[in-house]
Amino acid sequence: MELPPARDVHLLQGPAFRGTGGVREPRHTSQRCSACGHIAKKNRPDQATFTCTSCGFAEHADVNAARNIAARGVAGWAVSHAADDAA
C-alpha cells in the first residue's frame, strides 16, 4: 500500500473530504466484514468480537474496523489522484 506524500495528508482531513465515503466516513466500519464485505449488526455480538455471519471470518472487532477504514482511505486516495495519473 502506497501512502500519500506528507504534503497531501492535510487533504484527507479537510472539510471537502468529510462525508465522501473516505477516511472520515465511519458508517458500518465495525459491522462490515473486511474479508467479504458483508454488513450485519449480528457480525458484532459484543464490543471486542467480530465474526462474519456470511463467510465466517473472525477477527478482533477493532482490527476488522481498522482494515475497513484503511481500505476506504486507499480507495479515496486513489480516486482523488486518478486525474493526476490520466494527465
PDB file of N, CA and C in Angstrom:
ATOM      1  N   MET A   1       0.844  -1.174   0.000  1.00  0.00           N
ATOM      2  CA  MET A   1       0.000   0.000   0.000  1.00  0.00           C
ATOM      3  C   MET A   1       0.887   1.233   0.000  1.00  0.00           C
ATOM      4  N   GLU A   2       0.668   2.122  -0.917  1.00  0.00           N
ATOM      5  CA  GLU A   2       1.437   3.355  -1.004  1.00  0.00           C
ATOM      6  C   GLU A   2       0.637   4.482  -0.359  1.00  0.00           C
ATOM      7  N   LEU A   3       1.268   5.217   0.534  1.00  0.00           N
ATOM      8  CA  LEU A   3       0.601   6.313   1.222  1.00  0.00           C
ATOM      9  C   LEU A   3       0.838   7.616   0.479  1.00  0.00           C
ATOM     10  N   PRO A   4      -0.066   8.577   0.662  1.00  0.00           N
ATOM     11  CA  PRO A   4       0.127   9.870   0.005  1.00  0.00           C
ATOM     12  C   PRO A   4       1.337  10.591   0.582  1.00  0.00           C
ATOM     13  N   PRO A   5       1.961  11.448  -0.212  1.00  0.00           N
ATOM     14  CA  PRO A   5       3.071  12.239   0.310  1.00  0.00           C
ATOM     15  C   PRO A   5       2.602  13.075   1.502  1.00  0.00           C
ATOM     16  N   ALA A   6       3.508  13.400   2.401  1.00  0.00           N
ATOM     17  CA  ALA A   6       3.156  14.150   3.617  1.00  0.00           C
ATOM     18  C   ALA A   6       2.442  15.457   3.285  1.00  0.00           C
ATOM     19  N   ARG A   7       2.794  16.090   2.179  1.00  0.00           N
ATOM     20  CA  ARG A   7       2.153  17.362   1.831  1.00  0.00           C
ATOM     21  C   ARG A   7       0.679  17.190   1.490  1.00  0.00           C
ATOM     22  N   ASP A   8       0.246  15.962   1.135  1.00  0.00           N
ATOM     23  CA  ASP A   8      -1.147  15.708   0.777  1.00  0.00           C
ATOM     24  C   ASP A   8      -1.996  15.204   1.936  1.00  0.00           C
ATOM     25  N   VAL A   9      -1.382  14.880   3.069  1.00  0.00           N
ATOM     26  CA  VAL A   9      -2.125  14.320   4.187  1.00  0.00           C
ATOM     27  C   VAL A   9      -3.200  15.275   4.672  1.00  0.00           C
ATOM     28  N   HIS A  10      -2.922  16.571   4.678  1.00  0.00           N
ATOM     29  CA  HIS A  10      -3.925  17.538   5.139  1.00  0.00           C
ATOM     30  C   HIS A  10      -5.187  17.498   4.277  1.00  0.00           C
ATOM     31  N   LEU A  11      -5.083  17.079   3.036  1.00  0.00           N
ATOM     32  CA  LEU A  11      -6.249  16.983   2.168  1.00  0.00           C
ATOM     33  C   LEU A  11      -7.243  15.950   2.675  1.00  0.00           C
ATOM     34  N   LEU A  12      -6.745  14.896   3.328  1.00  0.00           N
ATOM     35  CA  LEU A  12      -7.606  13.850   3.851  1.00  0.00           C
ATOM     36  C   LEU A  12      -8.339  14.305   5.106  1.00  0.00           C
ATOM     37  N   GLN A  13      -7.954  15.436   5.658  1.00  0.00           N
ATOM     38  CA  GLN A  13      -8.553  15.918   6.890  1.00  0.00           C
ATOM     39  C   GLN A  13      -9.438  17.142   6.668  1.00  0.00           C
ATOM     40  N   GLY A  14      -9.470  17.674   5.488  1.00  0.00           N
ATOM     41  CA  GLY A  14     -10.207  18.898   5.216  1.00  0.00           C
ATOM     42  C   GLY A  14     -11.698  18.681   5.079  1.00  0.00           C
ATOM     43  N   PRO A  15     -12.474  19.769   5.133  1.00  0.00           N
ATOM     44  CA  PRO A  15     -13.928  19.666   5.061  1.00  0.00           C
ATOM     45  C   PRO A  15     -14.435  19.100   3.740  1.00  0.00           C
ATOM     46  N   ALA A  16     -13.689  19.254   2.664  1.00  0.00           N
ATOM     47  CA  ALA A  16     -14.135  18.727   1.372  1.00  0.00           C
ATOM     48  C   ALA A  16     -14.132  17.207   1.345  1.00  0.00           C
ATOM     49  N   PHE A  17     -13.327  16.592   2.192  1.00  0.00           N
ATOM     50  CA  PHE A  17     -13.206  15.138   2.199  1.00  0.00           C
ATOM     51  C   PHE A  17     -14.227  14.487   3.129  1.00  0.00           C
ATOM     52  N   ARG A  18     -14.751  15.221   4.091  1.00  0.00           N
ATOM     53  CA  ARG A  18     -15.690  14.658   5.061  1.00  0.00           C
ATOM     54  C   ARG A  18     -16.973  14.216   4.366  1.00  0.00           C
ATOM     55  N   GLY A  19     -17.452  13.035   4.757  1.00  0.00           N
ATOM     56  CA  GLY A  19     -18.721  12.538   4.229  1.00  0.00           C
ATOM     57  C   GLY A  19     -18.647  12.009   2.816  1.00  0.00           C
ATOM     58  N   THR A  20     -17.461  11.790   2.285  1.00  0.00           N
ATOM     59  CA  THR A  20     -17.334  11.330   0.904  1.00  0.00           C
ATOM     60  C   THR A  20     -17.180   9.824   0.803  1.00  0.00           C
ATOM     61  N   GLY A  21     -17.300   9.124   1.933  1.00  0.00           N
ATOM     62  CA  GLY A  21     -17.083   7.686   1.922  1.00  0.00           C
ATOM     63  C   GLY A  21     -15.626   7.327   2.122  1.00  0.00           C
ATOM     64  N   GLY A  22     -14.801   8.332   2.402  1.00  0.00           N
ATOM     65  CA  GLY A  22     -13.389   8.102   2.594  1.00  0.00           C
ATOM     66  C   GLY A  22     -13.044   7.877   4.054  1.00  0.00           C
ATOM     67  N   VAL A  23     -11.867   8.289   4.436  1.00  0.00           N
ATOM     68  CA  VAL A  23     -11.346   8.035   5.766  1.00  0.00           C
ATOM     69  C   VAL A  23     -12.274   8.579   6.850  1.00  0.00           C
ATOM     70  N   ARG A  24     -12.911   9.690   6.609  1.00  0.00           N
ATOM     71  CA  ARG A  24     -13.739  10.342   7.615  1.00  0.00           C
ATOM     72  C   ARG A  24     -15.108   9.685   7.786  1.00  0.00           C
ATOM     73  N   GLU A  25     -15.496   8.766   6.938  1.00  0.00           N
ATOM     74  CA  GLU A  25     -16.831   8.166   6.973  1.00  0.00           C
ATOM     75  C   GLU A  25     -16.802   6.862   7.758  1.00  0.00           C
ATOM     76  N   PRO A  26     -17.237   6.871   9.036  1.00  0.00           N
ATOM     77  CA  PRO A  26     -17.143   5.669   9.865  1.00  0.00           C
ATOM     78  C   PRO A  26     -18.310   4.695   9.716  1.00  0.00           C
ATOM     79  N   ARG A  27     -19.314   5.030   8.943  1.00  0.00           N
ATOM     80  CA  ARG A  27     -20.519   4.206   8.843  1.00  0.00           C
ATOM     81  C   ARG A  27     -20.192   2.753   8.490  1.00  0.00           C
ATOM     82  N   HIS A  28     -20.693   1.844   9.297  1.00  0.00           N
ATOM     83  CA  HIS A  28     -20.603   0.396   9.106  1.00  0.00           C
ATOM     84  C   HIS A  28     -19.190  -0.185   9.187  1.00  0.00           C
ATOM     85  N   THR A  29     -18.197   0.590   9.570  1.00  0.00           N
ATOM     86  CA  THR A  29     -16.851   0.024   9.624  1.00  0.00           C
ATOM     87  C   THR A  29     -16.740  -1.080  10.668  1.00  0.00           C
ATOM     88  N   SER A  30     -17.557  -1.020  11.712  1.00  0.00           N
ATOM     89  CA  SER A  30     -17.485  -2.053  12.745  1.00  0.00           C
ATOM     90  C   SER A  30     -18.403  -3.236  12.461  1.00  0.00           C
ATOM     91  N   GLN A  31     -19.306  -3.088  11.487  1.00  0.00           N
ATOM     92  CA  GLN A  31     -20.242  -4.161  11.149  1.00  0.00           C
ATOM     93  C   GLN A  31     -19.911  -4.826   9.809  1.00  0.00           C
ATOM     94  N   ARG A  32     -19.020  -4.224   9.027  1.00  0.00           N
ATOM     95  CA  ARG A  32     -18.668  -4.744   7.706  1.00  0.00           C
ATOM     96  C   ARG A  32     -17.514  -5.734   7.812  1.00  0.00           C
ATOM     97  N   CYS A  33     -17.634  -6.844   7.124  1.00  0.00           N
ATOM     98  CA  CYS A  33     -16.566  -7.835   7.088  1.00  0.00           C
ATOM     99  C   CYS A  33     -15.461  -7.341   6.156  1.00  0.00           C
ATOM    100  N   SER A  34     -14.251  -7.253   6.678  1.00  0.00           N
ATOM    101  CA  SER A  34     -13.137  -6.782   5.854  1.00  0.00           C
ATOM    102  C   SER A  34     -12.698  -7.840   4.839  1.00  0.00           C
ATOM    103  N   ALA A  35     -13.162  -9.060   4.997  1.00  0.00           N
ATOM    104  CA  ALA A  35     -12.810 -10.134   4.060  1.00  0.00           C
ATOM    105  C   ALA A  35     -13.782 -10.217   2.887  1.00  0.00           C
ATOM    106  N   CYS A  36     -15.107 -10.178   3.168  1.00  0.00           N
ATOM    107  CA  CYS A  36     -16.082 -10.377   2.088  1.00  0.00           C
ATOM    108  C   CYS A  36     -16.999  -9.177   1.847  1.00  0.00           C
ATOM    109  N   GLY A  37     -17.025  -8.211   2.758  1.00  0.00           N
ATOM    110  CA  GLY A  37     -17.839  -7.010   2.573  1.00  0.00           C
ATOM    111  C   GLY A  37     -19.245  -7.100   3.136  1.00  0.00           C
ATOM    112  N   HIS A  38     -19.629  -8.246   3.698  1.00  0.00           N
ATOM    113  CA  HIS A  38     -20.976  -8.425   4.254  1.00  0.00           C
ATOM    114  C   HIS A  38     -21.173  -7.507   5.463  1.00  0.00           C
ATOM    115  N   ILE A  39     -22.313  -6.801   5.504  1.00  0.00           N
ATOM    116  CA  ILE A  39     -22.627  -5.897   6.606  1.00  0.00           C
ATOM    117  C   ILE A  39     -23.837  -6.431   7.355  1.00  0.00           C
ATOM    118  N   ALA A  40     -23.686  -6.602   8.663  1.00  0.00           N
ATOM    119  CA  ALA A  40     -24.798  -7.037   9.511  1.00  0.00           C
ATOM    120  C   ALA A  40     -24.505  -6.686  10.959  1.00  0.00           C
ATOM    121  N   LYS A  41     -25.526  -6.254  11.693  1.00  0.00           N
ATOM    122  CA  LYS A  41     -25.353  -5.971  13.114  1.00  0.00           C
ATOM    123  C   LYS A  41     -24.911  -7.227  13.869  1.00  0.00           C
ATOM    124  N   LYS A  42     -25.368  -8.388  13.436  1.00  0.00           N
ATOM    125  CA  LYS A  42     -25.031  -9.643  14.114  1.00  0.00           C
ATOM    126  C   LYS A  42     -23.566 -10.029  13.947  1.00  0.00           C
ATOM    127  N   ASN A  43     -22.846  -9.349  13.042  1.00  0.00           N
ATOM    128  CA  ASN A  43     -21.410  -9.604  12.895  1.00  0.00           C
ATOM    129  C   ASN A  43     -20.644  -9.172  14.152  1.00  0.00           C
ATOM    130  N   ARG A  44     -21.242  -8.283  14.950  1.00  0.00           N
ATOM    131  CA  ARG A  44     -20.619  -7.761  16.180  1.00  0.00           C
ATOM    132  C   ARG A  44     -21.422  -8.203  17.391  1.00  0.00           C
ATOM    133  N   PRO A  45     -21.252  -9.438  17.855  1.00  0.00           N
ATOM    134  CA  PRO A  45     -22.033  -9.905  19.000  1.00  0.00           C
ATOM    135  C   PRO A  45     -21.692  -9.179  20.302  1.00  0.00           C
ATOM    136  N   ASP A  46     -20.479  -8.644  20.410  1.00  0.00           N
ATOM    137  CA  ASP A  46     -20.092  -7.838  21.572  1.00  0.00           C
ATOM    138  C   ASP A  46     -19.004  -6.853  21.156  1.00  0.00           C
ATOM    139  N   GLN A  47     -18.531  -6.071  22.121  1.00  0.00           N
ATOM    140  CA  GLN A  47     -17.605  -4.975  21.833  1.00  0.00           C
ATOM    141  C   GLN A  47     -16.297  -5.433  21.178  1.00  0.00           C
ATOM    142  N   ALA A  48     -15.758  -6.564  21.588  1.00  0.00           N
ATOM    143  CA  ALA A  48     -14.437  -6.981  21.121  1.00  0.00           C
ATOM    144  C   ALA A  48     -14.449  -8.020  20.010  1.00  0.00           C
ATOM    145  N   THR A  49     -15.601  -8.607  19.740  1.00  0.00           N
ATOM    146  CA  THR A  49     -15.671  -9.739  18.818  1.00  0.00           C
ATOM    147  C   THR A  49     -16.271  -9.355  17.479  1.00  0.00           C
ATOM    148  N   PHE A  50     -15.635  -9.815  16.400  1.00  0.00           N
ATOM    149  CA  PHE A  50     -16.211  -9.711  15.055  1.00  0.00           C
ATOM    150  C   PHE A  50     -16.167 -11.100  14.436  1.00  0.00           C
ATOM    151  N   THR A  51     -17.328 -11.590  14.039  1.00  0.00           N
ATOM    152  CA  THR A  51     -17.425 -12.855  13.313  1.00  0.00           C
ATOM    153  C   THR A  51     -18.463 -12.663  12.213  1.00  0.00           C
ATOM    154  N   CYS A  52     -18.036 -12.774  10.963  1.00  0.00           N
ATOM    155  CA  CYS A  52     -18.936 -12.563   9.828  1.00  0.00           C
ATOM    156  C   CYS A  52     -19.968 -13.686   9.763  1.00  0.00           C
ATOM    157  N   THR A  53     -21.235 -13.299   9.689  1.00  0.00           N
ATOM    158  CA  THR A  53     -22.309 -14.283   9.605  1.00  0.00           C
ATOM    159  C   THR A  53     -22.461 -14.841   8.194  1.00  0.00           C
ATOM    160  N   SER A  54     -21.719 -14.280   7.244  1.00  0.00           N
ATOM    161  CA  SER A  54     -21.781 -14.759   5.869  1.00  0.00           C
ATOM    162  C   SER A  54     -20.633 -15.710   5.540  1.00  0.00           C
ATOM    163  N   CYS A  55     -19.395 -15.259   5.757  1.00  0.00           N
ATOM    164  CA  CYS A  55     -18.241 -16.076   5.365  1.00  0.00           C
ATOM    165  C   CYS A  55     -17.518 -16.739   6.533  1.00  0.00           C
ATOM    166  N   GLY A  56     -17.827 -16.336   7.768  1.00  0.00           N
ATOM    167  CA  GLY A  56     -17.202 -16.930   8.934  1.00  0.00           C
ATOM    168  C   GLY A  56     -15.888 -16.304   9.359  1.00  0.00           C
ATOM    169  N   PHE A  57     -15.430 -15.276   8.660  1.00  0.00           N
ATOM    170  CA  PHE A  57     -14.180 -14.595   9.021  1.00  0.00           C
ATOM    171  C   PHE A  57     -14.292 -14.070  10.449  1.00  0.00           C
ATOM    172  N   ALA A  58     -13.266 -14.312  11.264  1.00  0.00           N
ATOM    173  CA  ALA A  58     -13.249 -13.857  12.648  1.00  0.00           C
ATOM    174  C   ALA A  58     -11.990 -13.041  12.904  1.00  0.00           C
ATOM    175  N   GLU A  59     -12.138 -11.954  13.649  1.00  0.00           N
ATOM    176  CA  GLU A  59     -11.036 -11.028  13.920  1.00  0.00           C
ATOM    177  C   GLU A  59     -11.441 -10.200  15.129  1.00  0.00           C
ATOM    178  N   HIS A  60     -10.473  -9.624  15.818  1.00  0.00           N
ATOM    179  CA  HIS A  60     -10.820  -8.662  16.867  1.00  0.00           C
ATOM    180  C   HIS A  60     -11.597  -7.538  16.187  1.00  0.00           C
ATOM    181  N   ALA A  61     -12.655  -7.083  16.810  1.00  0.00           N
ATOM    182  CA  ALA A  61     -13.545  -6.096  16.190  1.00  0.00           C
ATOM    183  C   ALA A  61     -12.813  -4.814  15.797  1.00  0.00           C
ATOM    184  N   ASP A  62     -11.902  -4.346  16.632  1.00  0.00           N
ATOM    185  CA  ASP A  62     -11.178  -3.111  16.318  1.00  0.00           C
ATOM    186  C   ASP A  62     -10.236  -3.295  15.126  1.00  0.00           C
ATOM    187  N   VAL A  63      -9.629  -4.458  15.019  1.00  0.00           N
ATOM    188  CA  VAL A  63      -8.733  -4.738  13.891  1.00  0.00           C
ATOM    189  C   VAL A  63      -9.542  -4.805  12.593  1.00  0.00           C
ATOM    190  N   ASN A  64     -10.687  -5.469  12.637  1.00  0.00           N
ATOM    191  CA  ASN A  64     -11.541  -5.547  11.451  1.00  0.00           C
ATOM    192  C   ASN A  64     -11.984  -4.153  11.012  1.00  0.00           C
ATOM    193  N   ALA A  65     -12.415  -3.320  11.966  1.00  0.00           N
ATOM    194  CA  ALA A  65     -12.842  -1.955  11.639  1.00  0.00           C
ATOM    195  C   ALA A  65     -11.679  -1.146  11.061  1.00  0.00           C
ATOM    196  N   ALA A  66     -10.491  -1.318  11.618  1.00  0.00           N
ATOM    197  CA  ALA A  66      -9.320  -0.601  11.112  1.00  0.00           C
ATOM    198  C   ALA A  66      -8.996  -1.009   9.676  1.00  0.00           C
ATOM    199  N   ARG A  67      -9.164  -2.280   9.370  1.00  0.00           N
ATOM    200  CA  ARG A  67      -8.950  -2.740   7.986  1.00  0.00           C
ATOM    201  C   ARG A  67      -9.942  -2.063   7.036  1.00  0.00           C
ATOM    202  N   ASN A  68     -11.195  -1.944   7.465  1.00  0.00           N
ATOM    203  CA  ASN A  68     -12.211  -1.293   6.638  1.00  0.00           C
ATOM    204  C   ASN A  68     -11.903   0.186   6.435  1.00  0.00           C
ATOM    205  N   ILE A  69     -11.487   0.861   7.488  1.00  0.00           N
ATOM    206  CA  ILE A  69     -11.136   2.279   7.392  1.00  0.00           C
ATOM    207  C   ILE A  69      -9.932   2.464   6.472  1.00  0.00           C
ATOM    208  N   ALA A  70      -8.931   1.612   6.613  1.00  0.00           N
ATOM    209  CA  ALA A  70      -7.745   1.697   5.760  1.00  0.00           C
ATOM    210  C   ALA A  70      -8.103   1.478   4.293  1.00  0.00           C
ATOM    211  N   ALA A  71      -8.971   0.512   4.025  1.00  0.00           N
ATOM    212  CA  ALA A  71      -9.375   0.237   2.641  1.00  0.00           C
ATOM    213  C   ALA A  71     -10.111   1.427   2.040  1.00  0.00           C
ATOM    214  N   ARG A  72     -10.951   2.084   2.826  1.00  0.00           N
ATOM    215  CA  ARG A  72     -11.656   3.270   2.333  1.00  0.00           C
ATOM    216  C   ARG A  72     -10.694   4.411   2.068  1.00  0.00           C
ATOM    217  N   GLY A  73      -9.707   4.555   2.931  1.00  0.00           N
ATOM    218  CA  GLY A  73      -8.722   5.616   2.737  1.00  0.00           C
ATOM    219  C   GLY A  73      -7.926   5.414   1.469  1.00  0.00           C
ATOM    220  N   VAL A  74      -7.495   4.191   1.214  1.00  0.00           N
ATOM    221  CA  VAL A  74      -6.736   3.886  -0.003  1.00  0.00           C
ATOM    222  C   VAL A  74      -7.600   4.117  -1.231  1.00  0.00           C
ATOM    223  N   ALA A  75      -8.859   3.677  -1.175  1.00  0.00           N
ATOM    224  CA  ALA A  75      -9.766   3.863  -2.324  1.00  0.00           C
ATOM    225  C   ALA A  75     -10.008   5.345  -2.578  1.00  0.00           C
ATOM    226  N   GLY A  76     -10.237   6.108  -1.513  1.00  0.00           N
ATOM    227  CA  GLY A  76     -10.469   7.547  -1.667  1.00  0.00           C
ATOM    228  C   GLY A  76      -9.257   8.264  -2.208  1.00  0.00           C
ATOM    229  N   TRP A  77      -8.079   7.866  -1.735  1.00  0.00           N
ATOM    230  CA  TRP A  77      -6.853   8.487  -2.224  1.00  0.00           C
ATOM    231  C   TRP A  77      -6.635   8.151  -3.693  1.00  0.00           C
ATOM    232  N   ALA A  78      -6.917   6.923  -4.085  1.00  0.00           N
ATOM    233  CA  ALA A  78      -6.737   6.510  -5.477  1.00  0.00           C
ATOM    234  C   ALA A  78      -7.664   7.287  -6.401  1.00  0.00           C
ATOM    235  N   VAL A  79      -8.907   7.476  -5.975  1.00  0.00           N
ATOM    236  CA  VAL A  79      -9.872   8.224  -6.789  1.00  0.00           C
ATOM    237  C   VAL A  79      -9.437   9.667  -6.901  1.00  0.00           C
ATOM    238  N   SER A  80      -8.971  10.268  -5.810  1.00  0.00           N
ATOM    239  CA  SER A  80      -8.587  11.668  -5.849  1.00  0.00           C
ATOM    240  C   SER A  80      -7.338  11.918  -6.699  1.00  0.00           C
ATOM    241  N   HIS A  81      -6.544  10.875  -6.927  1.00  0.00           N
ATOM    242  CA  HIS A  81      -5.335  11.023  -7.734  1.00  0.00           C
ATOM    243  C   HIS A  81      -5.475  10.435  -9.146  1.00  0.00           C
ATOM    244  N   ALA A  82      -6.657   9.965  -9.499  1.00  0.00           N
ATOM    245  CA  ALA A  82      -6.866   9.379 -10.817  1.00  0.00           C
ATOM    246  C   ALA A  82      -6.644  10.418 -11.922  1.00  0.00           C
ATOM    247  N   ALA A  83      -7.048  11.638 -11.710  1.00  0.00           N
ATOM    248  CA  ALA A  83      -6.864  12.697 -12.710  1.00  0.00           C
ATOM    249  C   ALA A  83      -5.369  12.948 -12.935  1.00  0.00           C
ATOM    250  N   ASP A  84      -4.589  12.867 -11.856  1.00  0.00           N
ATOM    251  CA  ASP A  84      -3.142  13.067 -11.975  1.00  0.00           C
ATOM    252  C   ASP A  84      -2.516  11.983 -12.853  1.00  0.00           C
ATOM    253  N   ASP A  85      -3.010  10.750 -12.685  1.00  0.00           N
ATOM    254  CA  ASP A  85      -2.474   9.641 -13.457  1.00  0.00           C
ATOM    255  C   ASP A  85      -2.861   9.729 -14.935  1.00  0.00           C
ATOM    256  N   ALA A  86      -4.031  10.308 -15.213  1.00  0.00           N
ATOM    257  CA  ALA A  86      -4.505  10.415 -16.600  1.00  0.00           C
ATOM    258  C   ALA A  86      -3.735  11.495 -17.373  1.00  0.00           C
ATOM    259  N   ALA A  87      -3.209  12.453 -16.640  1.00  0.00           N
ATOM    260  CA  ALA A  87      -2.516  13.574 -17.291  1.00  0.00           C
ATOM    261  C   ALA A  87      -1.152  13.214 -17.798  1.00  0.00           C
TER     262      ALA A  87
END
